Amino acid sequence: MRHAMRLMGRHRLCELASSNGGSVACAVSALSFELEAAEWAEPWDALDAFPKAELSGCRVRIPLPDGYLVTLALNCIAGIALVEFAGQDSGRA
């Protein structure tokens, strides 16, 4: 059963977008829109929406332009996508 995802930790995305311009801000805006519209039954459903993402358990790493990264913790049963990290990708696990 698919669940509409509730986006939590949105402030991390807002901080990333406001502290960067151009392609990063546009990518964060598009990512926010897609996350708010997401309906996922399982964490791997996120890979359909974000083919360049990496899935590890319930965490999804989504690369953005210019070496930035967003890490989400997903609880699809509860319908929650938590932004755990949004910033420069420095090899975060």
Protein backbone atom coordinates (compact mmCIF):
# COMPACT_ATOMS: atom_id res chain seq x y z
CA MET A 1 0.00 0.00 0.00
CA ARG A 2 1.40 3.37 -1.04
CA HIS A 3 1.40 6.24 1.42
CA ALA A 4 1.64 9.96 0.76
CA MET A 5 4.93 11.02 2.30
CA ARG A 6 5.02 13.82 4.85
CA LEU A 7 8.26 15.81 4.52
CA MET A 8 10.00 16.58 7.82
CA GLY A 9 13.25 18.47 8.29
CA ARG A 10 12.27 20.80 5.46
CA HIS A 11 14.29 23.59 7.11
CA ARG A 12 17.49 21.80 6.05
CA LEU A 13 16.40 22.05 2.41
CA CYS A 14 15.43 25.70 2.85
CA GLU A 15 18.83 26.52 4.37
CA LEU A 16 20.64 24.76 1.52
CA ALA A 17 18.59 26.55 -1.14
CA SER A 18 18.93 29.98 0.48
CA SER A 19 22.69 29.67 0.98
CA ASN A 20 23.29 28.60 -2.64
CA GLY A 21 22.04 30.02 -5.87
CA GLY A 22 21.68 28.77 -9.39
CA SER A 23 21.50 25.08 -10.10
CA VAL A 24 21.61 24.01 -6.43
CA ALA A 25 18.66 26.21 -5.44
CA CYS A 26 16.68 25.00 -8.47
CA ALA A 27 17.49 21.36 -7.71
CA VAL A 28 16.44 21.77 -4.06
CA SER A 29 13.18 23.38 -5.14
CA ALA A 30 12.43 20.53 -7.56
CA LEU A 31 13.43 17.93 -4.96
CA SER A 32 11.12 19.49 -2.35
CA PHE A 33 8.22 19.45 -4.79
CA GLU A 34 8.84 15.80 -5.71
CA LEU A 35 9.15 14.73 -2.07
CA GLU A 36 5.91 16.46 -1.13
CA ALA A 37 4.12 14.64 -3.98
CA ALA A 38 5.74 11.24 -3.29
CA GLU A 39 3.65 8.18 -2.51
CA TRP A 40 5.92 5.27 -1.61
CA ALA A 41 5.13 1.82 -0.24
CA GLU A 42 8.79 0.84 0.28
CA PRO A 43 12.08 2.77 0.45
CA TRP A 44 13.21 1.41 -2.93
CA ASP A 45 10.26 3.23 -4.53
CA ALA A 46 12.41 6.35 -4.08
CA LEU A 47 14.85 4.95 -6.63
CA ASP A 48 12.15 5.12 -9.30
CA ALA A 49 11.78 8.84 -8.62
CA PHE A 50 15.53 9.48 -8.19
CA PRO A 51 17.51 7.06 -10.40
CA LYS A 52 20.90 8.48 -9.33
CA ALA A 53 20.08 8.01 -5.64
CA GLU A 54 21.64 5.35 -3.44
CA LEU A 55 19.58 3.28 -1.02
CA SER A 56 20.99 1.82 2.19
CA GLY A 57 18.32 0.30 4.40
CA CYS A 58 15.76 3.04 4.98
CA ARG A 59 18.15 5.85 4.00
CA VAL A 60 18.31 7.43 0.57
CA ARG A 61 21.23 9.59 -0.59
CA ILE A 62 20.21 11.92 -3.41
CA PRO A 63 23.03 13.72 -5.24
CA LEU A 64 22.50 17.32 -6.31
CA PRO A 65 24.54 19.54 -8.65
CA ASP A 66 27.93 20.95 -7.67
CA GLY A 67 28.76 18.21 -5.15
CA TYR A 68 25.76 18.65 -2.85
CA LEU A 69 23.75 15.83 -1.30
CA VAL A 70 20.47 15.24 0.51
CA THR A 71 20.07 12.25 2.83
CA LEU A 72 16.57 11.11 3.74
CA ALA A 73 15.44 8.62 6.35
CA LEU A 74 12.23 6.98 5.13
CA ASN A 75 9.45 5.37 7.11
CA CYS A 76 7.03 4.44 4.36
CA ILE A 77 4.56 2.73 6.70
CA ALA A 78 4.19 5.96 8.68
CA GLY A 79 4.47 8.04 5.49
CA ILE A 80 7.45 10.09 6.70
CA ALA A 81 10.48 11.34 4.79
CA LEU A 82 12.94 12.99 7.19
CA VAL A 83 15.68 15.19 5.76
CA GLU A 84 18.66 14.17 7.89
CA PHE A 85 21.30 16.05 5.91
CA ALA A 86 21.43 18.63 3.14
CA GLY A 87 24.82 20.03 2.20
CA GLN A 88 28.21 19.36 0.64
CA ASP A 89 28.90 15.70 -0.08
CA SER A 90 32.13 14.96 1.72
CA GLY A 91 31.83 11.17 1.48
CA ARG A 92 29.04 10.90 4.06
CA ALA A 93 27.89 7.34 4.69
